[in-house]
mmCIF file of all heavy atoms, coordinates in Angstrom:
data_MODEL
# 
_entry.id   MODEL 
# 
loop_
_atom_site.group_PDB 
_atom_site.id 
_atom_site.type_symbol 
_atom_site.label_atom_id 
_atom_site.label_alt_id 
_atom_site.label_comp_id 
_atom_site.label_asym_id 
_atom_site.label_entity_id 
_atom_site.label_seq_id 
_atom_site.pdbx_PDB_ins_code 
_atom_site.Cartn_x 
_atom_site.Cartn_y 
_atom_site.Cartn_z 
_atom_site.occupancy 
_atom_site.B_iso_or_equiv 
_atom_site.pdbx_formal_charge 
_atom_site.auth_seq_id 
_atom_site.auth_comp_id 
_atom_site.auth_asym_id 
_atom_site.auth_atom_id 
_atom_site.pdbx_PDB_model_num 
ATOM 1   N N   . PRO A 1 1  ? 24.612 -16.602 50.252 1.00 0.00 ? 1  PRO A N   1 
ATOM 2   C CA  . PRO A 1 1  ? 25.220 -16.557 51.543 1.00 0.00 ? 1  PRO A CA  1 
ATOM 3   C C   . PRO A 1 1  ? 25.341 -15.130 52.056 1.00 0.00 ? 1  PRO A C   1 
ATOM 4   O O   . PRO A 1 1  ? 25.782 -14.885 53.237 1.00 0.00 ? 1  PRO A O   1 
ATOM 5   C CB  . PRO A 1 1  ? 26.624 -17.263 51.349 1.00 0.00 ? 1  PRO A CB  1 
ATOM 6   C CG  . PRO A 1 1  ? 26.937 -16.921 49.880 1.00 0.00 ? 1  PRO A CG  1 
ATOM 7   C CD  . PRO A 1 1  ? 25.567 -16.959 49.173 1.00 0.00 ? 1  PRO A CD  1 
ATOM 8   N N   . ASP A 1 2  ? 25.197 -14.274 51.290 1.00 0.00 ? 2  ASP A N   1 
ATOM 9   C CA  . ASP A 1 2  ? 25.283 -12.682 51.616 1.00 0.00 ? 2  ASP A CA  1 
ATOM 10  C C   . ASP A 1 2  ? 26.533 -12.405 52.304 1.00 0.00 ? 2  ASP A C   1 
ATOM 11  O O   . ASP A 1 2  ? 26.618 -11.553 53.209 1.00 0.00 ? 2  ASP A O   1 
ATOM 12  C CB  . ASP A 1 2  ? 24.133 -12.355 52.634 1.00 0.00 ? 2  ASP A CB  1 
ATOM 13  C CG  . ASP A 1 2  ? 22.744 -12.536 52.061 1.00 0.00 ? 2  ASP A CG  1 
ATOM 14  O OD1 . ASP A 1 2  ? 22.583 -12.394 50.835 1.00 0.00 ? 2  ASP A OD1 1 
ATOM 15  O OD2 . ASP A 1 2  ? 21.787 -12.687 52.809 1.00 0.00 ? 2  ASP A OD2 1 
ATOM 16  N N   . ARG A 1 3  ? 27.671 -12.921 51.563 1.00 0.00 ? 3  ARG A N   1 
ATOM 17  C CA  . ARG A 1 3  ? 28.963 -12.422 52.109 1.00 0.00 ? 3  ARG A CA  1 
ATOM 18  C C   . ARG A 1 3  ? 29.486 -11.420 51.116 1.00 0.00 ? 3  ARG A C   1 
ATOM 19  O O   . ARG A 1 3  ? 29.016 -11.340 49.931 1.00 0.00 ? 3  ARG A O   1 
ATOM 20  C CB  . ARG A 1 3  ? 29.919 -13.672 51.861 1.00 0.00 ? 3  ARG A CB  1 
ATOM 21  C CG  . ARG A 1 3  ? 29.651 -14.931 52.909 1.00 0.00 ? 3  ARG A CG  1 
ATOM 22  C CD  . ARG A 1 3  ? 30.747 -15.776 53.016 1.00 0.00 ? 3  ARG A CD  1 
ATOM 23  N NE  . ARG A 1 3  ? 30.520 -16.995 53.636 1.00 0.00 ? 3  ARG A NE  1 
ATOM 24  C CZ  . ARG A 1 3  ? 30.173 -18.105 53.196 1.00 0.00 ? 3  ARG A CZ  1 
ATOM 25  N NH1 . ARG A 1 3  ? 30.027 -18.312 51.884 1.00 0.00 ? 3  ARG A NH1 1 
ATOM 26  N NH2 . ARG A 1 3  ? 29.848 -19.169 53.949 1.00 0.00 ? 3  ARG A NH2 1 
ATOM 27  N N   . SER A 1 4  ? 30.346 -10.535 51.545 1.00 0.00 ? 4  SER A N   1 
ATOM 28  C CA  . SER A 1 4  ? 30.975 -9.483  50.666 1.00 0.00 ? 4  SER A CA  1 
ATOM 29  C C   . SER A 1 4  ? 31.678 -10.157 49.569 1.00 0.00 ? 4  SER A C   1 
ATOM 30  O O   . SER A 1 4  ? 32.596 -11.066 49.695 1.00 0.00 ? 4  SER A O   1 
ATOM 31  C CB  . SER A 1 4  ? 31.796 -8.499  51.505 1.00 0.00 ? 4  SER A CB  1 
ATOM 32  O OG  . SER A 1 4  ? 30.939 -7.794  52.304 1.00 0.00 ? 4  SER A OG  1 
ATOM 33  N N   . VAL A 1 5  ? 31.428 -9.543  48.379 1.00 0.00 ? 5  VAL A N   1 
ATOM 34  C CA  . VAL A 1 5  ? 32.279 -9.810  47.240 1.00 0.00 ? 5  VAL A CA  1 
ATOM 35  C C   . VAL A 1 5  ? 32.970 -8.538  46.764 1.00 0.00 ? 5  VAL A C   1 
ATOM 36  O O   . VAL A 1 5  ? 32.397 -7.520  46.494 1.00 0.00 ? 5  VAL A O   1 
ATOM 37  C CB  . VAL A 1 5  ? 31.291 -10.234 46.009 1.00 0.00 ? 5  VAL A CB  1 
ATOM 38  C CG1 . VAL A 1 5  ? 32.120 -10.632 44.849 1.00 0.00 ? 5  VAL A CG1 1 
ATOM 39  C CG2 . VAL A 1 5  ? 30.536 -11.515 46.391 1.00 0.00 ? 5  VAL A CG2 1 
ATOM 40  N N   . TYR A 1 6  ? 34.239 -8.656  46.774 1.00 0.00 ? 6  TYR A N   1 
ATOM 41  C CA  . TYR A 1 6  ? 35.189 -7.383  46.685 1.00 0.00 ? 6  TYR A CA  1 
ATOM 42  C C   . TYR A 1 6  ? 35.560 -7.336  45.162 1.00 0.00 ? 6  TYR A C   1 
ATOM 43  O O   . TYR A 1 6  ? 36.639 -8.049  44.808 1.00 0.00 ? 6  TYR A O   1 
ATOM 44  C CB  . TYR A 1 6  ? 36.362 -7.437  47.552 1.00 0.00 ? 6  TYR A CB  1 
ATOM 45  C CG  . TYR A 1 6  ? 35.976 -7.443  49.106 1.00 0.00 ? 6  TYR A CG  1 
ATOM 46  C CD1 . TYR A 1 6  ? 35.845 -8.683  49.761 1.00 0.00 ? 6  TYR A CD1 1 
ATOM 47  C CD2 . TYR A 1 6  ? 35.959 -6.219  49.825 1.00 0.00 ? 6  TYR A CD2 1 
ATOM 48  C CE1 . TYR A 1 6  ? 35.544 -8.678  50.987 1.00 0.00 ? 6  TYR A CE1 1 
ATOM 49  C CE2 . TYR A 1 6  ? 35.597 -6.296  51.150 1.00 0.00 ? 6  TYR A CE2 1 
ATOM 50  C CZ  . TYR A 1 6  ? 35.385 -7.512  51.721 1.00 0.00 ? 6  TYR A CZ  1 
ATOM 51  O OH  . TYR A 1 6  ? 35.071 -7.603  53.057 1.00 0.00 ? 6  TYR A OH  1 
ATOM 52  N N   . ILE A 1 7  ? 35.003 -6.508  44.382 1.00 0.00 ? 7  ILE A N   1 
ATOM 53  C CA  . ILE A 1 7  ? 35.337 -6.194  42.985 1.00 0.00 ? 7  ILE A CA  1 
ATOM 54  C C   . ILE A 1 7  ? 35.645 -4.843  42.916 1.00 0.00 ? 7  ILE A C   1 
ATOM 55  O O   . ILE A 1 7  ? 34.910 -3.909  43.186 1.00 0.00 ? 7  ILE A O   1 
ATOM 56  C CB  . ILE A 1 7  ? 34.153 -6.669  42.074 1.00 0.00 ? 7  ILE A CB  1 
ATOM 57  C CG1 . ILE A 1 7  ? 33.826 -8.042  42.277 1.00 0.00 ? 7  ILE A CG1 1 
ATOM 58  C CG2 . ILE A 1 7  ? 34.650 -6.353  40.627 1.00 0.00 ? 7  ILE A CG2 1 
ATOM 59  C CD1 . ILE A 1 7  ? 32.537 -8.488  41.678 1.00 0.00 ? 7  ILE A CD1 1 
ATOM 60  N N   . ALA A 1 8  ? 36.872 -4.523  42.683 1.00 0.00 ? 8  ALA A N   1 
ATOM 61  C CA  . ALA A 1 8  ? 37.454 -3.102  42.836 1.00 0.00 ? 8  ALA A CA  1 
ATOM 62  C C   . ALA A 1 8  ? 38.445 -2.897  41.774 1.00 0.00 ? 8  ALA A C   1 
ATOM 63  O O   . ALA A 1 8  ? 39.218 -3.878  41.401 1.00 0.00 ? 8  ALA A O   1 
ATOM 64  C CB  . ALA A 1 8  ? 37.895 -2.897  44.146 1.00 0.00 ? 8  ALA A CB  1 
ATOM 65  N N   . TYR A 1 9  ? 38.684 -1.551  41.430 1.00 0.00 ? 9  TYR A N   1 
ATOM 66  C CA  . TYR A 1 9  ? 39.823 -1.247  40.485 1.00 0.00 ? 9  TYR A CA  1 
ATOM 67  C C   . TYR A 1 9  ? 40.275 0.155   40.808 1.00 0.00 ? 9  TYR A C   1 
ATOM 68  O O   . TYR A 1 9  ? 39.408 0.981   41.386 1.00 0.00 ? 9  TYR A O   1 
ATOM 69  C CB  . TYR A 1 9  ? 39.332 -1.311  39.148 1.00 0.00 ? 9  TYR A CB  1 
ATOM 70  C CG  . TYR A 1 9  ? 38.465 -0.339  38.523 1.00 0.00 ? 9  TYR A CG  1 
ATOM 71  C CD1 . TYR A 1 9  ? 38.941 0.821   37.928 1.00 0.00 ? 9  TYR A CD1 1 
ATOM 72  C CD2 . TYR A 1 9  ? 37.010 -0.423  38.627 1.00 0.00 ? 9  TYR A CD2 1 
ATOM 73  C CE1 . TYR A 1 9  ? 38.103 1.796   37.449 1.00 0.00 ? 9  TYR A CE1 1 
ATOM 74  C CE2 . TYR A 1 9  ? 36.181 0.381   38.213 1.00 0.00 ? 9  TYR A CE2 1 
ATOM 75  C CZ  . TYR A 1 9  ? 36.679 1.598   37.667 1.00 0.00 ? 9  TYR A CZ  1 
ATOM 76  O OH  . TYR A 1 9  ? 35.691 2.572   37.141 1.00 0.00 ? 9  TYR A OH  1 
ATOM 77  N N   . ARG A 1 10 ? 41.474 0.517   40.362 1.00 0.00 ? 10 ARG A N   1 
ATOM 78  C CA  . ARG A 1 10 ? 41.879 1.885   40.570 1.00 0.00 ? 10 ARG A CA  1 
ATOM 79  C C   . ARG A 1 10 ? 42.777 2.246   39.287 1.00 0.00 ? 10 ARG A C   1 
ATOM 80  O O   . ARG A 1 10 ? 43.615 1.439   38.774 1.00 0.00 ? 10 ARG A O   1 
ATOM 81  C CB  . ARG A 1 10 ? 42.821 2.052   41.764 1.00 0.00 ? 10 ARG A CB  1 
ATOM 82  C CG  . ARG A 1 10 ? 43.369 3.375   41.886 1.00 0.00 ? 10 ARG A CG  1 
ATOM 83  C CD  . ARG A 1 10 ? 44.241 3.534   43.213 1.00 0.00 ? 10 ARG A CD  1 
ATOM 84  N NE  . ARG A 1 10 ? 45.231 2.643   43.361 1.00 0.00 ? 10 ARG A NE  1 
ATOM 85  C CZ  . ARG A 1 10 ? 45.940 2.470   44.518 1.00 0.00 ? 10 ARG A CZ  1 
ATOM 86  N NH1 . ARG A 1 10 ? 45.577 3.200   45.621 1.00 0.00 ? 10 ARG A NH1 1 
ATOM 87  N NH2 . ARG A 1 10 ? 46.942 1.623   44.558 1.00 0.00 ? 10 ARG A NH2 1 
ATOM 88  N N   . THR A 1 11 ? 42.466 3.273   38.808 1.00 0.00 ? 11 THR A N   1 
ATOM 89  C CA  . THR A 1 11 ? 43.339 3.919   37.514 1.00 0.00 ? 11 THR A CA  1 
ATOM 90  C C   . THR A 1 11 ? 43.870 5.252   37.959 1.00 0.00 ? 11 THR A C   1 
ATOM 91  O O   . THR A 1 11 ? 43.212 6.015   38.647 1.00 0.00 ? 11 THR A O   1 
ATOM 92  C CB  . THR A 1 11 ? 42.424 4.050   36.357 1.00 0.00 ? 11 THR A CB  1 
ATOM 93  O OG1 . THR A 1 11 ? 41.422 4.877   36.514 1.00 0.00 ? 11 THR A OG1 1 
ATOM 94  C CG2 . THR A 1 11 ? 41.957 2.669   35.841 1.00 0.00 ? 11 THR A CG2 1 
ATOM 95  N N   . GLY A 1 12 ? 45.134 5.505   37.434 1.00 0.00 ? 12 GLY A N   1 
ATOM 96  C CA  . GLY A 1 12 ? 45.648 6.889   37.828 1.00 0.00 ? 12 GLY A CA  1 
ATOM 97  C C   . GLY A 1 12 ? 45.831 7.174   39.271 1.00 0.00 ? 12 GLY A C   1 
ATOM 98  O O   . GLY A 1 12 ? 46.133 6.230   39.996 1.00 0.00 ? 12 GLY A O   1 
ATOM 99  N N   . ARG A 1 13 ? 45.505 8.341   39.629 1.00 0.00 ? 13 ARG A N   1 
ATOM 100 C CA  . ARG A 1 13 ? 45.468 8.738   40.990 1.00 0.00 ? 13 ARG A CA  1 
ATOM 101 C C   . ARG A 1 13 ? 44.128 8.848   41.553 1.00 0.00 ? 13 ARG A C   1 
ATOM 102 O O   . ARG A 1 13 ? 43.874 9.568   42.599 1.00 0.00 ? 13 ARG A O   1 
ATOM 103 C CB  . ARG A 1 13 ? 46.310 10.046  41.085 1.00 0.00 ? 13 ARG A CB  1 
ATOM 104 C CG  . ARG A 1 13 ? 47.768 9.907   40.665 1.00 0.00 ? 13 ARG A CG  1 
ATOM 105 C CD  . ARG A 1 13 ? 48.431 11.130  40.272 1.00 0.00 ? 13 ARG A CD  1 
ATOM 106 N NE  . ARG A 1 13 ? 49.794 10.895  39.924 1.00 0.00 ? 13 ARG A NE  1 
ATOM 107 C CZ  . ARG A 1 13 ? 50.276 10.472  38.719 1.00 0.00 ? 13 ARG A CZ  1 
ATOM 108 N NH1 . ARG A 1 13 ? 49.293 10.213  37.776 1.00 0.00 ? 13 ARG A NH1 1 
ATOM 109 N NH2 . ARG A 1 13 ? 51.479 10.251  38.404 1.00 0.00 ? 13 ARG A NH2 1 
ATOM 110 N N   . ALA A 1 14 ? 43.191 8.255   40.935 1.00 0.00 ? 14 ALA A N   1 
ATOM 111 C CA  . ALA A 1 14 ? 41.722 8.370   41.552 1.00 0.00 ? 14 ALA A CA  1 
ATOM 112 C C   . ALA A 1 14 ? 41.587 7.360   42.604 1.00 0.00 ? 14 ALA A C   1 
ATOM 113 O O   . ALA A 1 14 ? 42.373 6.424   42.880 1.00 0.00 ? 14 ALA A O   1 
ATOM 114 C CB  . ALA A 1 14 ? 40.794 7.863   40.328 1.00 0.00 ? 14 ALA A CB  1 
ATOM 115 N N   . PRO A 1 15 ? 40.459 7.568   43.321 1.00 0.00 ? 15 PRO A N   1 
ATOM 116 C CA  . PRO A 1 15 ? 40.276 6.590   44.479 1.00 0.00 ? 15 PRO A CA  1 
ATOM 117 C C   . PRO A 1 15 ? 39.898 5.210   43.933 1.00 0.00 ? 15 PRO A C   1 
ATOM 118 O O   . PRO A 1 15 ? 39.592 5.039   42.737 1.00 0.00 ? 15 PRO A O   1 
ATOM 119 C CB  . PRO A 1 15 ? 38.997 7.239   45.188 1.00 0.00 ? 15 PRO A CB  1 
ATOM 120 C CG  . PRO A 1 15 ? 38.880 8.648   44.814 1.00 0.00 ? 15 PRO A CG  1 
ATOM 121 C CD  . PRO A 1 15 ? 39.507 8.708   43.360 1.00 0.00 ? 15 PRO A CD  1 
ATOM 122 N N   . VAL A 1 16 ? 40.075 4.221   44.798 1.00 0.00 ? 16 VAL A N   1 
ATOM 123 C CA  . VAL A 1 16 ? 39.743 2.862   44.456 1.00 0.00 ? 16 VAL A CA  1 
ATOM 124 C C   . VAL A 1 16 ? 38.110 2.821   44.219 1.00 0.00 ? 16 VAL A C   1 
ATOM 125 O O   . VAL A 1 16 ? 37.406 3.364   44.970 1.00 0.00 ? 16 VAL A O   1 
ATOM 126 C CB  . VAL A 1 16 ? 40.031 1.912   45.554 1.00 0.00 ? 16 VAL A CB  1 
ATOM 127 C CG1 . VAL A 1 16 ? 39.678 0.456   45.284 1.00 0.00 ? 16 VAL A CG1 1 
ATOM 128 C CG2 . VAL A 1 16 ? 41.632 1.929   45.871 1.00 0.00 ? 16 VAL A CG2 1 
ATOM 129 N N   . GLN A 1 17 ? 37.795 2.227   43.077 1.00 0.00 ? 17 GLN A N   1 
ATOM 130 C CA  . GLN A 1 17 ? 36.374 2.168   42.786 1.00 0.00 ? 17 GLN A CA  1 
ATOM 131 C C   . GLN A 1 17 ? 35.884 0.796   43.232 1.00 0.00 ? 17 GLN A C   1 
ATOM 132 O O   . GLN A 1 17 ? 36.377 -0.208  42.729 1.00 0.00 ? 17 GLN A O   1 
ATOM 133 C CB  . GLN A 1 17 ? 36.120 2.394   41.311 1.00 0.00 ? 17 GLN A CB  1 
ATOM 134 C CG  . GLN A 1 17 ? 36.708 3.514   40.656 1.00 0.00 ? 17 GLN A CG  1 
ATOM 135 C CD  . GLN A 1 17 ? 35.962 4.878   41.136 1.00 0.00 ? 17 GLN A CD  1 
ATOM 136 O OE1 . GLN A 1 17 ? 34.754 4.939   41.113 1.00 0.00 ? 17 GLN A OE1 1 
ATOM 137 N NE2 . GLN A 1 17 ? 36.580 5.886   41.544 1.00 0.00 ? 17 GLN A NE2 1 
ATOM 138 N N   . VAL A 1 18 ? 34.993 0.700   44.178 1.00 0.00 ? 18 VAL A N   1 
ATOM 139 C CA  . VAL A 1 18 ? 34.517 -0.473  44.845 1.00 0.00 ? 18 VAL A CA  1 
ATOM 140 C C   . VAL A 1 18 ? 33.182 -0.736  44.361 1.00 0.00 ? 18 VAL A C   1 
ATOM 141 O O   . VAL A 1 18 ? 32.236 0.026   44.674 1.00 0.00 ? 18 VAL A O   1 
ATOM 142 C CB  . VAL A 1 18 ? 34.626 -0.594  46.312 1.00 0.00 ? 18 VAL A CB  1 
ATOM 143 C CG1 . VAL A 1 18 ? 34.065 -1.914  46.920 1.00 0.00 ? 18 VAL A CG1 1 
ATOM 144 C CG2 . VAL A 1 18 ? 36.035 -0.245  46.847 1.00 0.00 ? 18 VAL A CG2 1 
ATOM 145 N N   . LEU A 1 19 ? 32.854 -1.858  43.598 1.00 0.00 ? 19 LEU A N   1 
ATOM 146 C CA  . LEU A 1 19 ? 31.559 -2.015  43.194 1.00 0.00 ? 19 LEU A CA  1 
ATOM 147 C C   . LEU A 1 19 ? 30.551 -2.524  44.299 1.00 0.00 ? 19 LEU A C   1 
ATOM 148 O O   . LEU A 1 19 ? 31.077 -2.933  45.281 1.00 0.00 ? 19 LEU A O   1 
ATOM 149 C CB  . LEU A 1 19 ? 31.468 -3.140  42.035 1.00 0.00 ? 19 LEU A CB  1 
ATOM 150 C CG  . LEU A 1 19 ? 31.855 -2.732  40.621 1.00 0.00 ? 19 LEU A CG  1 
ATOM 151 C CD1 . LEU A 1 19 ? 33.091 -2.004  40.377 1.00 0.00 ? 19 LEU A CD1 1 
ATOM 152 C CD2 . LEU A 1 19 ? 31.658 -3.881  39.656 1.00 0.00 ? 19 LEU A CD2 1 
ATOM 153 N N   . PRO A 1 20 ? 29.149 -2.178  44.070 1.00 0.00 ? 20 PRO A N   1 
ATOM 154 C CA  . PRO A 1 20 ? 28.402 -2.289  45.357 1.00 0.00 ? 20 PRO A CA  1 
ATOM 155 C C   . PRO A 1 20 ? 27.910 -3.636  45.652 1.00 0.00 ? 20 PRO A C   1 
ATOM 156 O O   . PRO A 1 20 ? 26.709 -3.889  45.792 1.00 0.00 ? 20 PRO A O   1 
ATOM 157 C CB  . PRO A 1 20 ? 27.186 -1.415  44.728 1.00 0.00 ? 20 PRO A CB  1 
ATOM 158 C CG  . PRO A 1 20 ? 27.139 -1.615  43.294 1.00 0.00 ? 20 PRO A CG  1 
ATOM 159 C CD  . PRO A 1 20 ? 28.590 -1.662  42.805 1.00 0.00 ? 20 PRO A CD  1 
ATOM 160 N N   . PHE A 1 21 ? 28.879 -4.630  45.818 1.00 0.00 ? 21 PHE A N   1 
ATOM 161 C CA  . PHE A 1 21 ? 28.523 -5.983  46.130 1.00 0.00 ? 21 PHE A CA  1 
ATOM 162 C C   . PHE A 1 21 ? 29.115 -6.370  47.565 1.00 0.00 ? 21 PHE A C   1 
ATOM 163 O O   . PHE A 1 21 ? 29.400 -7.513  47.805 1.00 0.00 ? 21 PHE A O   1 
ATOM 164 C CB  . PHE A 1 21 ? 28.980 -6.986  45.134 1.00 0.00 ? 21 PHE A CB  1 
ATOM 165 C CG  . PHE A 1 21 ? 28.499 -6.679  43.654 1.00 0.00 ? 21 PHE A CG  1 
ATOM 166 C CD1 . PHE A 1 21 ? 29.258 -6.397  42.666 1.00 0.00 ? 21 PHE A CD1 1 
ATOM 167 C CD2 . PHE A 1 21 ? 27.183 -6.638  43.510 1.00 0.00 ? 21 PHE A CD2 1 
ATOM 168 C CE1 . PHE A 1 21 ? 28.824 -6.051  41.449 1.00 0.00 ? 21 PHE A CE1 1 
ATOM 169 C CE2 . PHE A 1 21 ? 26.669 -6.346  42.149 1.00 0.00 ? 21 PHE A CE2 1 
ATOM 170 C CZ  . PHE A 1 21 ? 27.395 -6.054  41.191 1.00 0.00 ? 21 PHE A CZ  1 
ATOM 171 N N   . LEU A 1 22 ? 29.153 -5.484  48.441 1.00 0.00 ? 22 LEU A N   1 
ATOM 172 C CA  . LEU A 1 22 ? 29.615 -5.647  49.850 1.00 0.00 ? 22 LEU A CA  1 
ATOM 173 C C   . LEU A 1 22 ? 28.436 -5.837  50.580 1.00 0.00 ? 22 LEU A C   1 
ATOM 174 O O   . LEU A 1 22 ? 27.277 -5.224  50.319 1.00 0.00 ? 22 LEU A O   1 
ATOM 175 C CB  . LEU A 1 22 ? 30.309 -4.602  50.328 1.00 0.00 ? 22 LEU A CB  1 
ATOM 176 C CG  . LEU A 1 22 ? 31.660 -4.128  49.593 1.00 0.00 ? 22 LEU A CG  1 
ATOM 177 C CD1 . LEU A 1 22 ? 32.411 -3.035  50.393 1.00 0.00 ? 22 LEU A CD1 1 
ATOM 178 C CD2 . LEU A 1 22 ? 32.589 -5.282  49.364 1.00 0.00 ? 22 LEU A CD2 1 
ATOM 179 N N   . SER A 1 23 ? 28.379 -6.767  51.640 1.00 0.00 ? 23 SER A N   1 
ATOM 180 C CA  . SER A 1 23 ? 27.329 -7.087  52.519 1.00 0.00 ? 23 SER A CA  1 
ATOM 181 C C   . SER A 1 23 ? 27.370 -6.105  53.681 1.00 0.00 ? 23 SER A C   1 
ATOM 182 O O   . SER A 1 23 ? 26.198 -6.040  54.466 1.00 0.00 ? 23 SER A O   1 
ATOM 183 C CB  . SER A 1 23 ? 27.130 -8.525  52.970 1.00 0.00 ? 23 SER A CB  1 
ATOM 184 O OG  . SER A 1 23 ? 28.424 -8.789  53.642 1.00 0.00 ? 23 SER A OG  1 
ATOM 185 N N   . ALA A 1 24 ? 28.457 -5.422  53.954 1.00 0.00 ? 24 ALA A N   1 
ATOM 186 C CA  . ALA A 1 24 ? 28.438 -4.496  55.026 1.00 0.00 ? 24 ALA A CA  1 
ATOM 187 C C   . ALA A 1 24 ? 29.606 -3.440  54.516 1.00 0.00 ? 24 ALA A C   1 
ATOM 188 O O   . ALA A 1 24 ? 30.452 -3.712  53.847 1.00 0.00 ? 24 ALA A O   1 
ATOM 189 C CB  . ALA A 1 24 ? 28.957 -5.221  56.266 1.00 0.00 ? 24 ALA A CB  1 
ATOM 190 N N   . PRO A 1 25 ? 29.590 -2.198  55.191 1.00 0.00 ? 25 PRO A N   1 
ATOM 191 C CA  . PRO A 1 25 ? 30.545 -1.218  54.979 1.00 0.00 ? 25 PRO A CA  1 
ATOM 192 C C   . PRO A 1 25 ? 32.050 -1.644  55.141 1.00 0.00 ? 25 PRO A C   1 
ATOM 193 O O   . PRO A 1 25 ? 32.082 -2.653  56.068 1.00 0.00 ? 25 PRO A O   1 
ATOM 194 C CB  . PRO A 1 25 ? 30.183 -0.110  55.700 1.00 0.00 ? 25 PRO A CB  1 
ATOM 195 C CG  . PRO A 1 25 ? 28.652 -0.247  56.075 1.00 0.00 ? 25 PRO A CG  1 
ATOM 196 C CD  . PRO A 1 25 ? 28.538 -1.778  56.114 1.00 0.00 ? 25 PRO A CD  1 
ATOM 197 N N   . LEU A 1 26 ? 32.949 -1.163  54.477 1.00 0.00 ? 26 LEU A N   1 
ATOM 198 C CA  . LEU A 1 26 ? 34.314 -1.582  54.809 1.00 0.00 ? 26 LEU A CA  1 
ATOM 199 C C   . LEU A 1 26 ? 34.573 -1.159  56.172 1.00 0.00 ? 26 LEU A C   1 
ATOM 200 O O   . LEU A 1 26 ? 34.221 -0.162  56.838 1.00 0.00 ? 26 LEU A O   1 
ATOM 201 C CB  . LEU A 1 26 ? 35.253 -0.796  53.956 1.00 0.00 ? 26 LEU A CB  1 
ATOM 202 C CG  . LEU A 1 26 ? 35.177 -1.123  52.429 1.00 0.00 ? 26 LEU A CG  1 
ATOM 203 C CD1 . LEU A 1 26 ? 36.017 -0.232  51.519 1.00 0.00 ? 26 LEU A CD1 1 
ATOM 204 C CD2 . LEU A 1 26 ? 35.688 -2.635  52.185 1.00 0.00 ? 26 LEU A CD2 1 
ATOM 205 N N   . GLY A 1 27 ? 35.216 -2.097  57.033 1.00 0.00 ? 27 GLY A N   1 
ATOM 206 C CA  . GLY A 1 27 ? 35.532 -1.986  58.466 1.00 0.00 ? 27 GLY A CA  1 
ATOM 207 C C   . GLY A 1 27 ? 36.958 -1.578  58.576 1.00 0.00 ? 27 GLY A C   1 
ATOM 208 O O   . GLY A 1 27 ? 37.717 -0.986  57.841 1.00 0.00 ? 27 GLY A O   1 
ATOM 209 N N   . LEU A 1 28 ? 37.434 -1.667  59.904 1.00 0.00 ? 28 LEU A N   1 
ATOM 210 C CA  . LEU A 1 28 ? 38.718 -1.329  60.364 1.00 0.00 ? 28 LEU A CA  1 
ATOM 211 C C   . LEU A 1 28 ? 39.836 -2.328  60.022 1.00 0.00 ? 28 LEU A C   1 
ATOM 212 O O   . LEU A 1 28 ? 41.002 -1.967  60.258 1.00 0.00 ? 28 LEU A O   1 
ATOM 213 C CB  . LEU A 1 28 ? 38.629 -1.047  61.915 1.00 0.00 ? 28 LEU A CB  1 
ATOM 214 C CG  . LEU A 1 28 ? 37.771 0.101   62.459 1.00 0.00 ? 28 LEU A CG  1 
ATOM 215 C CD1 . LEU A 1 28 ? 37.670 0.036   63.904 1.00 0.00 ? 28 LEU A CD1 1 
ATOM 216 C CD2 . LEU A 1 28 ? 38.371 1.386   61.869 1.00 0.00 ? 28 LEU A CD2 1 
ATOM 217 N N   . GLY A 1 29 ? 39.551 -3.444  59.517 1.00 0.00 ? 29 GLY A N   1 
ATOM 218 C CA  . GLY A 1 29 ? 40.510 -4.498  59.231 1.00 0.00 ? 29 GLY A CA  1 
ATOM 219 C C   . GLY A 1 29 ? 41.097 -4.863  60.601 1.00 0.00 ? 29 GLY A C   1 
ATOM 220 O O   . GLY A 1 29 ? 40.385 -5.178  61.600 1.00 0.00 ? 29 GLY A O   1 
ATOM 221 N N   . GLU A 1 30 ? 42.496 -5.016  60.576 1.00 0.00 ? 30 GLU A N   1 
ATOM 222 C CA  . GLU A 1 30 ? 43.148 -5.657  61.725 1.00 0.00 ? 30 GLU A CA  1 
ATOM 223 C C   . GLU A 1 30 ? 43.018 -4.690  62.931 1.00 0.00 ? 30 GLU A C   1 
ATOM 224 O O   . GLU A 1 30 ? 43.086 -5.117  64.128 1.00 0.00 ? 30 GLU A O   1 
ATOM 225 C CB  . GLU A 1 30 ? 44.474 -5.859  61.449 1.00 0.00 ? 30 GLU A CB  1 
ATOM 226 C CG  . GLU A 1 30 ? 45.419 -4.705  61.390 1.00 0.00 ? 30 GLU A CG  1 
ATOM 227 C CD  . GLU A 1 30 ? 45.474 -4.066  60.236 1.00 0.00 ? 30 GLU A CD  1 
ATOM 228 O OE1 . GLU A 1 30 ? 44.539 -4.410  59.206 1.00 0.00 ? 30 GLU A OE1 1 
ATOM 229 O OE2 . GLU A 1 30 ? 46.363 -3.285  59.847 1.00 0.00 ? 30 GLU A OE2 1 
# 
């Protein structure tokens, strides 16, 4: 269906690591 699959993690103070299974870049949300 080519929908985004959000698989992500964060450790320590590092950025959130988002695995490359999104169908489009992260947007503005609300």
